[in-house]
Amino acid sequence: IEIATAGVVVGIYADRPRVAAAAAQTI
């Protein structure tokens, strides 16, 4: 999951889609 927010891009790389989605909700 790649999130462009404010002046950065946050890349989330996970071994399971559920983990990536949870990280996107809590970063």
mmCIF file of all heavy atoms, coordinates in Angstrom:
data_MODEL
# 
_entry.id   MODEL 
# 
loop_
_atom_site.group_PDB 
_atom_site.id 
_atom_site.type_symbol 
_atom_site.label_atom_id 
_atom_site.label_alt_id 
_atom_site.label_comp_id 
_atom_site.label_asym_id 
_atom_site.label_entity_id 
_atom_site.label_seq_id 
_atom_site.pdbx_PDB_ins_code 
_atom_site.Cartn_x 
_atom_site.Cartn_y 
_atom_site.Cartn_z 
_atom_site.occupancy 
_atom_site.B_iso_or_equiv 
_atom_site.pdbx_formal_charge 
_atom_site.auth_seq_id 
_atom_site.auth_comp_id 
_atom_site.auth_asym_id 
_atom_site.auth_atom_id 
_atom_site.pdbx_PDB_model_num 
ATOM 1   N N   . ILE A 1 1  ? 0.862  -1.176  0.000  1.00 0.00 ? 1  ILE A N   1 
ATOM 2   C CA  . ILE A 1 1  ? 0.000  0.000   0.000  1.00 0.00 ? 1  ILE A CA  1 
ATOM 3   C C   . ILE A 1 1  ? 0.899  1.227   0.000  1.00 0.00 ? 1  ILE A C   1 
ATOM 4   O O   . ILE A 1 1  ? 1.815  1.325   0.818  1.00 0.00 ? 1  ILE A O   1 
ATOM 5   C CB  . ILE A 1 1  ? -0.939 0.017   1.224  1.00 0.00 ? 1  ILE A CB  1 
ATOM 6   C CG1 . ILE A 1 1  ? -1.845 -1.216  1.217  1.00 0.00 ? 1  ILE A CG1 1 
ATOM 7   C CG2 . ILE A 1 1  ? -1.759 1.311   1.241  1.00 0.00 ? 1  ILE A CG2 1 
ATOM 8   C CD1 . ILE A 1 1  ? -2.728 -1.358  2.445  1.00 0.00 ? 1  ILE A CD1 1 
ATOM 9   N N   . GLU A 1 2  ? 0.659  2.139   -0.943 1.00 0.00 ? 2  GLU A N   1 
ATOM 10  C CA  . GLU A 1 2  ? 1.419  3.388   -1.042 1.00 0.00 ? 2  GLU A CA  1 
ATOM 11  C C   . GLU A 1 2  ? 0.472  4.540   -0.726 1.00 0.00 ? 2  GLU A C   1 
ATOM 12  O O   . GLU A 1 2  ? -0.575 4.681   -1.355 1.00 0.00 ? 2  GLU A O   1 
ATOM 13  C CB  . GLU A 1 2  ? 1.992  3.557   -2.448 1.00 0.00 ? 2  GLU A CB  1 
ATOM 14  C CG  . GLU A 1 2  ? 2.996  2.489   -2.834 1.00 0.00 ? 2  GLU A CG  1 
ATOM 15  C CD  . GLU A 1 2  ? 4.373  2.707   -2.249 1.00 0.00 ? 2  GLU A CD  1 
ATOM 16  O OE1 . GLU A 1 2  ? 4.696  3.857   -1.885 1.00 0.00 ? 2  GLU A OE1 1 
ATOM 17  O OE2 . GLU A 1 2  ? 5.122  1.729   -2.161 1.00 0.00 ? 2  GLU A OE2 1 
ATOM 18  N N   . ILE A 1 3  ? 0.862  5.355   0.250  1.00 0.00 ? 3  ILE A N   1 
ATOM 19  C CA  . ILE A 1 3  ? 0.022  6.459   0.703  1.00 0.00 ? 3  ILE A CA  1 
ATOM 20  C C   . ILE A 1 3  ? 0.790  7.765   0.536  1.00 0.00 ? 3  ILE A C   1 
ATOM 21  O O   . ILE A 1 3  ? 1.802  7.978   1.197  1.00 0.00 ? 3  ILE A O   1 
ATOM 22  C CB  . ILE A 1 3  ? -0.370 6.284   2.183  1.00 0.00 ? 3  ILE A CB  1 
ATOM 23  C CG1 . ILE A 1 3  ? -1.038 4.931   2.419  1.00 0.00 ? 3  ILE A CG1 1 
ATOM 24  C CG2 . ILE A 1 3  ? -1.268 7.432   2.635  1.00 0.00 ? 3  ILE A CG2 1 
ATOM 25  C CD1 . ILE A 1 3  ? -1.255 4.579   3.878  1.00 0.00 ? 3  ILE A CD1 1 
ATOM 26  N N   . ALA A 1 4  ? 0.311  8.635   -0.353 1.00 0.00 ? 4  ALA A N   1 
ATOM 27  C CA  . ALA A 1 4  ? 0.875  9.979   -0.485 1.00 0.00 ? 4  ALA A CA  1 
ATOM 28  C C   . ALA A 1 4  ? 0.084  10.881  0.450  1.00 0.00 ? 4  ALA A C   1 
ATOM 29  O O   . ALA A 1 4  ? -1.112 11.103  0.256  1.00 0.00 ? 4  ALA A O   1 
ATOM 30  C CB  . ALA A 1 4  ? 0.775  10.454  -1.919 1.00 0.00 ? 4  ALA A CB  1 
ATOM 31  N N   . THR A 1 5  ? 0.751  11.357  1.487  1.00 0.00 ? 5  THR A N   1 
ATOM 32  C CA  . THR A 1 5  ? 0.085  12.186  2.492  1.00 0.00 ? 5  THR A CA  1 
ATOM 33  C C   . THR A 1 5  ? 1.047  13.288  2.930  1.00 0.00 ? 5  THR A C   1 
ATOM 34  O O   . THR A 1 5  ? 2.238  13.034  3.118  1.00 0.00 ? 5  THR A O   1 
ATOM 35  C CB  . THR A 1 5  ? -0.380 11.347  3.700  1.00 0.00 ? 5  THR A CB  1 
ATOM 36  O OG1 . THR A 1 5  ? -0.984 12.190  4.671  1.00 0.00 ? 5  THR A OG1 1 
ATOM 37  C CG2 . THR A 1 5  ? 0.737  10.561  4.333  1.00 0.00 ? 5  THR A CG2 1 
ATOM 38  N N   . ALA A 1 6  ? 0.522  14.491  3.050  1.00 0.00 ? 6  ALA A N   1 
ATOM 39  C CA  . ALA A 1 6  ? 1.343  15.661  3.385  1.00 0.00 ? 6  ALA A CA  1 
ATOM 40  C C   . ALA A 1 6  ? 2.513  15.723  2.408  1.00 0.00 ? 6  ALA A C   1 
ATOM 41  O O   . ALA A 1 6  ? 2.305  15.630  1.212  1.00 0.00 ? 6  ALA A O   1 
ATOM 42  C CB  . ALA A 1 6  ? 1.775  15.614  4.837  1.00 0.00 ? 6  ALA A CB  1 
ATOM 43  N N   . GLY A 1 7  ? 3.735  15.842  2.880  1.00 0.00 ? 7  GLY A N   1 
ATOM 44  C CA  . GLY A 1 7  ? 4.897  15.949  2.003  1.00 0.00 ? 7  GLY A CA  1 
ATOM 45  C C   . GLY A 1 7  ? 5.677  14.667  1.858  1.00 0.00 ? 7  GLY A C   1 
ATOM 46  O O   . GLY A 1 7  ? 6.843  14.699  1.467  1.00 0.00 ? 7  GLY A O   1 
ATOM 47  N N   . VAL A 1 8  ? 5.077  13.518  2.169  1.00 0.00 ? 8  VAL A N   1 
ATOM 48  C CA  . VAL A 1 8  ? 5.779  12.239  2.098  1.00 0.00 ? 8  VAL A CA  1 
ATOM 49  C C   . VAL A 1 8  ? 4.945  11.189  1.374  1.00 0.00 ? 8  VAL A C   1 
ATOM 50  O O   . VAL A 1 8  ? 3.756  11.374  1.149  1.00 0.00 ? 8  VAL A O   1 
ATOM 51  C CB  . VAL A 1 8  ? 6.132  11.698  3.509  1.00 0.00 ? 8  VAL A CB  1 
ATOM 52  C CG1 . VAL A 1 8  ? 7.033  12.660  4.265  1.00 0.00 ? 8  VAL A CG1 1 
ATOM 53  C CG2 . VAL A 1 8  ? 4.885  11.394  4.310  1.00 0.00 ? 8  VAL A CG2 1 
ATOM 54  N N   . VAL A 1 9  ? 5.609  10.089  1.034  1.00 0.00 ? 9  VAL A N   1 
ATOM 55  C CA  . VAL A 1 9  ? 4.915  8.891   0.577  1.00 0.00 ? 9  VAL A CA  1 
ATOM 56  C C   . VAL A 1 9  ? 5.271  7.788   1.559  1.00 0.00 ? 9  VAL A C   1 
ATOM 57  O O   . VAL A 1 9  ? 6.446  7.549   1.848  1.00 0.00 ? 9  VAL A O   1 
ATOM 58  C CB  . VAL A 1 9  ? 5.328  8.484   -0.848 1.00 0.00 ? 9  VAL A CB  1 
ATOM 59  C CG1 . VAL A 1 9  ? 4.707  7.153   -1.230 1.00 0.00 ? 9  VAL A CG1 1 
ATOM 60  C CG2 . VAL A 1 9  ? 4.917  9.558   -1.853 1.00 0.00 ? 9  VAL A CG2 1 
ATOM 61  N N   . VAL A 1 10 ? 4.247  7.137   2.099  1.00 0.00 ? 10 VAL A N   1 
ATOM 62  C CA  . VAL A 1 10 ? 4.442  6.046   3.039  1.00 0.00 ? 10 VAL A CA  1 
ATOM 63  C C   . VAL A 1 10 ? 4.192  4.737   2.287  1.00 0.00 ? 10 VAL A C   1 
ATOM 64  O O   . VAL A 1 10 ? 3.117  4.544   1.726  1.00 0.00 ? 10 VAL A O   1 
ATOM 65  C CB  . VAL A 1 10 ? 3.486  6.153   4.245  1.00 0.00 ? 10 VAL A CB  1 
ATOM 66  C CG1 . VAL A 1 10 ? 3.681  4.976   5.192  1.00 0.00 ? 10 VAL A CG1 1 
ATOM 67  C CG2 . VAL A 1 10 ? 3.689  7.477   4.967  1.00 0.00 ? 10 VAL A CG2 1 
ATOM 68  N N   . GLY A 1 11 ? 5.196  3.877   2.260  1.00 0.00 ? 11 GLY A N   1 
ATOM 69  C CA  . GLY A 1 11 ? 5.060  2.564   1.644  1.00 0.00 ? 11 GLY A CA  1 
ATOM 70  C C   . GLY A 1 11 ? 4.884  1.512   2.726  1.00 0.00 ? 11 GLY A C   1 
ATOM 71  O O   . GLY A 1 11 ? 5.666  1.457   3.682  1.00 0.00 ? 11 GLY A O   1 
ATOM 72  N N   . ILE A 1 12 ? 3.847  0.711   2.591  1.00 0.00 ? 12 ILE A N   1 
ATOM 73  C CA  . ILE A 1 12 ? 3.579  -0.361  3.547  1.00 0.00 ? 12 ILE A CA  1 
ATOM 74  C C   . ILE A 1 12 ? 3.748  -1.676  2.802  1.00 0.00 ? 12 ILE A C   1 
ATOM 75  O O   . ILE A 1 12 ? 3.103  -1.891  1.775  1.00 0.00 ? 12 ILE A O   1 
ATOM 76  C CB  . ILE A 1 12 ? 2.153  -0.246  4.125  1.00 0.00 ? 12 ILE A CB  1 
ATOM 77  C CG1 . ILE A 1 12 ? 2.012  1.089   4.887  1.00 0.00 ? 12 ILE A CG1 1 
ATOM 78  C CG2 . ILE A 1 12 ? 1.819  -1.434  5.017  1.00 0.00 ? 12 ILE A CG2 1 
ATOM 79  C CD1 . ILE A 1 12 ? 0.600  1.402   5.307  1.00 0.00 ? 12 ILE A CD1 1 
ATOM 80  N N   . TYR A 1 13 ? 4.617  -2.534  3.303  1.00 0.00 ? 13 TYR A N   1 
ATOM 81  C CA  . TYR A 1 13 ? 4.920  -3.816  2.666  1.00 0.00 ? 13 TYR A CA  1 
ATOM 82  C C   . TYR A 1 13 ? 4.717  -4.908  3.701  1.00 0.00 ? 13 TYR A C   1 
ATOM 83  O O   . TYR A 1 13 ? 5.378  -4.914  4.740  1.00 0.00 ? 13 TYR A O   1 
ATOM 84  C CB  . TYR A 1 13 ? 6.369  -3.825  2.158  1.00 0.00 ? 13 TYR A CB  1 
ATOM 85  C CG  . TYR A 1 13 ? 6.679  -2.596  1.340  1.00 0.00 ? 13 TYR A CG  1 
ATOM 86  C CD1 . TYR A 1 13 ? 7.285  -1.482  1.918  1.00 0.00 ? 13 TYR A CD1 1 
ATOM 87  C CD2 . TYR A 1 13 ? 6.315  -2.523  0.003  1.00 0.00 ? 13 TYR A CD2 1 
ATOM 88  C CE1 . TYR A 1 13 ? 7.542  -0.342  1.180  1.00 0.00 ? 13 TYR A CE1 1 
ATOM 89  C CE2 . TYR A 1 13 ? 6.573  -1.380  -0.747 1.00 0.00 ? 13 TYR A CE2 1 
ATOM 90  C CZ  . TYR A 1 13 ? 7.186  -0.297  -0.147 1.00 0.00 ? 13 TYR A CZ  1 
ATOM 91  O OH  . TYR A 1 13 ? 7.429  0.843   -0.884 1.00 0.00 ? 13 TYR A OH  1 
ATOM 92  N N   . ALA A 1 14 ? 3.782  -5.824  3.435  1.00 0.00 ? 14 ALA A N   1 
ATOM 93  C CA  . ALA A 1 14 ? 3.431  -6.830  4.433  1.00 0.00 ? 14 ALA A CA  1 
ATOM 94  C C   . ALA A 1 14 ? 3.375  -8.218  3.817  1.00 0.00 ? 14 ALA A C   1 
ATOM 95  O O   . ALA A 1 14 ? 3.173  -8.371  2.609  1.00 0.00 ? 14 ALA A O   1 
ATOM 96  C CB  . ALA A 1 14 ? 2.091  -6.481  5.071  1.00 0.00 ? 14 ALA A CB  1 
ATOM 97  N N   . ASP A 1 15 ? 3.524  -9.221  4.670  1.00 0.00 ? 15 ASP A N   1 
ATOM 98  C CA  . ASP A 1 15 ? 3.442  -10.599 4.193  1.00 0.00 ? 15 ASP A CA  1 
ATOM 99  C C   . ASP A 1 15 ? 2.001  -11.049 3.997  1.00 0.00 ? 15 ASP A C   1 
ATOM 100 O O   . ASP A 1 15 ? 1.739  -12.041 3.339  1.00 0.00 ? 15 ASP A O   1 
ATOM 101 C CB  . ASP A 1 15 ? 4.201  -11.557 5.121  1.00 0.00 ? 15 ASP A CB  1 
ATOM 102 C CG  . ASP A 1 15 ? 3.585  -11.692 6.510  1.00 0.00 ? 15 ASP A CG  1 
ATOM 103 O OD1 . ASP A 1 15 ? 2.843  -10.779 6.940  1.00 0.00 ? 15 ASP A OD1 1 
ATOM 104 O OD2 . ASP A 1 15 ? 3.848  -12.709 7.171  1.00 0.00 ? 15 ASP A OD2 1 
ATOM 105 N N   . ARG A 1 16 ? 1.049  -10.291 4.567  1.00 0.00 ? 16 ARG A N   1 
ATOM 106 C CA  . ARG A 1 16 ? -0.386 -10.603 4.398  1.00 0.00 ? 16 ARG A CA  1 
ATOM 107 C C   . ARG A 1 16 ? -1.153 -9.312  4.146  1.00 0.00 ? 16 ARG A C   1 
ATOM 108 O O   . ARG A 1 16 ? -0.894 -8.304  4.813  1.00 0.00 ? 16 ARG A O   1 
ATOM 109 C CB  . ARG A 1 16 ? -0.928 -11.302 5.644  1.00 0.00 ? 16 ARG A CB  1 
ATOM 110 C CG  . ARG A 1 16 ? -0.329 -12.700 5.845  1.00 0.00 ? 16 ARG A CG  1 
ATOM 111 C CD  . ARG A 1 16 ? -0.766 -13.241 7.153  1.00 0.00 ? 16 ARG A CD  1 
ATOM 112 N NE  . ARG A 1 16 ? -0.240 -12.319 8.185  1.00 0.00 ? 16 ARG A NE  1 
ATOM 113 C CZ  . ARG A 1 16 ? -0.181 -12.569 9.458  1.00 0.00 ? 16 ARG A CZ  1 
ATOM 114 N NH1 . ARG A 1 16 ? -0.633 -13.694 9.921  1.00 0.00 ? 16 ARG A NH1 1 
ATOM 115 N NH2 . ARG A 1 16 ? 0.299  -11.695 10.316 1.00 0.00 ? 16 ARG A NH2 1 
ATOM 116 N N   . PRO A 1 17 ? -2.109 -9.329  3.225  1.00 0.00 ? 17 PRO A N   1 
ATOM 117 C CA  . PRO A 1 17 ? -2.895 -8.130  2.954  1.00 0.00 ? 17 PRO A CA  1 
ATOM 118 C C   . PRO A 1 17 ? -3.597 -7.568  4.189  1.00 0.00 ? 17 PRO A C   1 
ATOM 119 O O   . PRO A 1 17 ? -3.691 -6.354  4.355  1.00 0.00 ? 17 PRO A O   1 
ATOM 120 C CB  . PRO A 1 17 ? -3.916 -8.597  1.912  1.00 0.00 ? 17 PRO A CB  1 
ATOM 121 C CG  . PRO A 1 17 ? -3.249 -9.737  1.227  1.00 0.00 ? 17 PRO A CG  1 
ATOM 122 C CD  . PRO A 1 17 ? -2.436 -10.422 2.296  1.00 0.00 ? 17 PRO A CD  1 
ATOM 123 N N   . ARG A 1 18 ? -4.054 -8.435  5.074  1.00 0.00 ? 18 ARG A N   1 
ATOM 124 C CA  . ARG A 1 18 ? -4.724 -7.987  6.300  1.00 0.00 ? 18 ARG A CA  1 
ATOM 125 C C   . ARG A 1 18 ? -3.779 -7.150  7.167  1.00 0.00 ? 18 ARG A C   1 
ATOM 126 O O   . ARG A 1 18 ? -4.181 -6.151  7.767  1.00 0.00 ? 18 ARG A O   1 
ATOM 127 C CB  . ARG A 1 18 ? -5.233 -9.206  7.065  1.00 0.00 ? 18 ARG A CB  1 
ATOM 128 C CG  . ARG A 1 18 ? -5.975 -8.889  8.347  1.00 0.00 ? 18 ARG A CG  1 
ATOM 129 C CD  . ARG A 1 18 ? -6.479 -10.149 9.032  1.00 0.00 ? 18 ARG A CD  1 
ATOM 130 N NE  . ARG A 1 18 ? -5.439 -11.102 9.386  1.00 0.00 ? 18 ARG A NE  1 
ATOM 131 C CZ  . ARG A 1 18 ? -4.643 -10.993 10.459 1.00 0.00 ? 18 ARG A CZ  1 
ATOM 132 N NH1 . ARG A 1 18 ? -4.759 -9.991  11.281 1.00 0.00 ? 18 ARG A NH1 1 
ATOM 133 N NH2 . ARG A 1 18 ? -3.731 -11.919 10.704 1.00 0.00 ? 18 ARG A NH2 1 
ATOM 134 N N   . VAL A 1 19 ? -2.511 -7.527  7.221  1.00 0.00 ? 19 VAL A N   1 
ATOM 135 C CA  . VAL A 1 19 ? -1.521 -6.784  8.006  1.00 0.00 ? 19 VAL A CA  1 
ATOM 136 C C   . VAL A 1 19 ? -1.267 -5.415  7.368  1.00 0.00 ? 19 VAL A C   1 
ATOM 137 O O   . VAL A 1 19 ? -1.199 -4.394  8.059  1.00 0.00 ? 19 VAL A O   1 
ATOM 138 C CB  . VAL A 1 19 ? -0.213 -7.598  8.133  1.00 0.00 ? 19 VAL A CB  1 
ATOM 139 C CG1 . VAL A 1 19 ? 0.897  -6.772  8.755  1.00 0.00 ? 19 VAL A CG1 1 
ATOM 140 C CG2 . VAL A 1 19 ? -0.452 -8.867  8.942  1.00 0.00 ? 19 VAL A CG2 1 
ATOM 141 N N   . ALA A 1 20 ? -1.144 -5.374  6.033  1.00 0.00 ? 20 ALA A N   1 
ATOM 142 C CA  . ALA A 1 20 ? -0.940 -4.100  5.342  1.00 0.00 ? 20 ALA A CA  1 
ATOM 143 C C   . ALA A 1 20 ? -2.125 -3.166  5.568  1.00 0.00 ? 20 ALA A C   1 
ATOM 144 O O   . ALA A 1 20 ? -1.944 -1.975  5.852  1.00 0.00 ? 20 ALA A O   1 
ATOM 145 C CB  . ALA A 1 20 ? -0.720 -4.342  3.852  1.00 0.00 ? 20 ALA A CB  1 
ATOM 146 N N   . ALA A 1 21 ? -3.342 -3.683  5.454  1.00 0.00 ? 21 ALA A N   1 
ATOM 147 C CA  . ALA A 1 21 ? -4.536 -2.865  5.651  1.00 0.00 ? 21 ALA A CA  1 
ATOM 148 C C   . ALA A 1 21 ? -4.608 -2.333  7.080  1.00 0.00 ? 21 ALA A C   1 
ATOM 149 O O   . ALA A 1 21 ? -4.959 -1.165  7.301  1.00 0.00 ? 21 ALA A O   1 
ATOM 150 C CB  . ALA A 1 21 ? -5.787 -3.671  5.314  1.00 0.00 ? 21 ALA A CB  1 
ATOM 151 N N   . ALA A 1 22 ? -4.268 -3.144  8.048  1.00 0.00 ? 22 ALA A N   1 
ATOM 152 C CA  . ALA A 1 22 ? -4.281 -2.703  9.449  1.00 0.00 ? 22 ALA A CA  1 
ATOM 153 C C   . ALA A 1 22 ? -3.240 -1.608  9.668  1.00 0.00 ? 22 ALA A C   1 
ATOM 154 O O   . ALA A 1 22 ? -3.500 -0.629  10.373 1.00 0.00 ? 22 ALA A O   1 
ATOM 155 C CB  . ALA A 1 22 ? -4.027 -3.886  10.385 1.00 0.00 ? 22 ALA A CB  1 
ATOM 156 N N   . ALA A 1 23 ? -2.065 -1.752  9.060  1.00 0.00 ? 23 ALA A N   1 
ATOM 157 C CA  . ALA A 1 23 ? -1.027 -0.726  9.195  1.00 0.00 ? 23 ALA A CA  1 
ATOM 158 C C   . ALA A 1 23 ? -1.491 0.590   8.580  1.00 0.00 ? 23 ALA A C   1 
ATOM 159 O O   . ALA A 1 23 ? -1.274 1.662   9.153  1.00 0.00 ? 23 ALA A O   1 
ATOM 160 C CB  . ALA A 1 23 ? 0.264  -1.196  8.538  1.00 0.00 ? 23 ALA A CB  1 
ATOM 161 N N   . ALA A 1 24 ? -2.164 0.525   7.430  1.00 0.00 ? 24 ALA A N   1 
ATOM 162 C CA  . ALA A 1 24 ? -2.659 1.744   6.788  1.00 0.00 ? 24 ALA A CA  1 
ATOM 163 C C   . ALA A 1 24 ? -3.673 2.466   7.676  1.00 0.00 ? 24 ALA A C   1 
ATOM 164 O O   . ALA A 1 24 ? -3.750 3.696   7.670  1.00 0.00 ? 24 ALA A O   1 
ATOM 165 C CB  . ALA A 1 24 ? -3.283 1.414   5.431  1.00 0.00 ? 24 ALA A CB  1 
ATOM 166 N N   . GLN A 1 25 ? -4.426 1.725   8.446  1.00 0.00 ? 25 GLN A N   1 
ATOM 167 C CA  . GLN A 1 25 ? -5.428 2.324   9.331  1.00 0.00 ? 25 GLN A CA  1 
ATOM 168 C C   . GLN A 1 25 ? -4.812 2.895   10.606 1.00 0.00 ? 25 GLN A C   1 
ATOM 169 O O   . GLN A 1 25 ? -5.456 3.695   11.291 1.00 0.00 ? 25 GLN A O   1 
ATOM 170 C CB  . GLN A 1 25 ? -6.504 1.292   9.692  1.00 0.00 ? 25 GLN A CB  1 
ATOM 171 C CG  . GLN A 1 25 ? -7.391 0.916   8.545  1.00 0.00 ? 25 GLN A CG  1 
ATOM 172 C CD  . GLN A 1 25 ? -8.209 2.089   8.022  1.00 0.00 ? 25 GLN A CD  1 
ATOM 173 O OE1 . GLN A 1 25 ? -8.588 3.002   8.741  1.00 0.00 ? 25 GLN A OE1 1 
ATOM 174 N NE2 . GLN A 1 25 ? -8.476 2.073   6.723  1.00 0.00 ? 25 GLN A NE2 1 
ATOM 175 N N   . THR A 1 26 ? -3.582 2.500   10.937 1.00 0.00 ? 26 THR A N   1 
ATOM 176 C CA  . THR A 1 26 ? -3.021 2.907   12.226 1.00 0.00 ? 26 THR A CA  1 
ATOM 177 C C   . THR A 1 26 ? -1.733 3.710   12.145 1.00 0.00 ? 26 THR A C   1 
ATOM 178 O O   . THR A 1 26 ? -1.221 4.124   13.187 1.00 0.00 ? 26 THR A O   1 
ATOM 179 C CB  . THR A 1 26 ? -2.780 1.669   13.121 1.00 0.00 ? 26 THR A CB  1 
ATOM 180 O OG1 . THR A 1 26 ? -1.893 0.774   12.445 1.00 0.00 ? 26 THR A OG1 1 
ATOM 181 C CG2 . THR A 1 26 ? -4.084 0.963   13.449 1.00 0.00 ? 26 THR A CG2 1 
ATOM 182 N N   . ILE A 1 27 ? -1.173 3.948   10.944 1.00 0.00 ? 27 ILE A N   1 
ATOM 183 C CA  . ILE A 1 27 ? 0.077  4.712   10.876 1.00 0.00 ? 27 ILE A CA  1 
ATOM 184 C C   . ILE A 1 27 ? -0.124 6.105   11.465 1.00 0.00 ? 27 ILE A C   1 
ATOM 185 O O   . ILE A 1 27 ? -1.208 6.678   11.389 1.00 0.00 ? 27 ILE A O   1 
ATOM 186 C CB  . ILE A 1 27 ? 0.634  4.821   9.439  1.00 0.00 ? 27 ILE A CB  1 
ATOM 187 C CG1 . ILE A 1 27 ? -0.369 5.519   8.517  1.00 0.00 ? 27 ILE A CG1 1 
ATOM 188 C CG2 . ILE A 1 27 ? 1.083  3.480   8.921  1.00 0.00 ? 27 ILE A CG2 1 
ATOM 189 C CD1 . ILE A 1 27 ? 0.208  5.906   7.170  1.00 0.00 ? 27 ILE A CD1 1 
# 
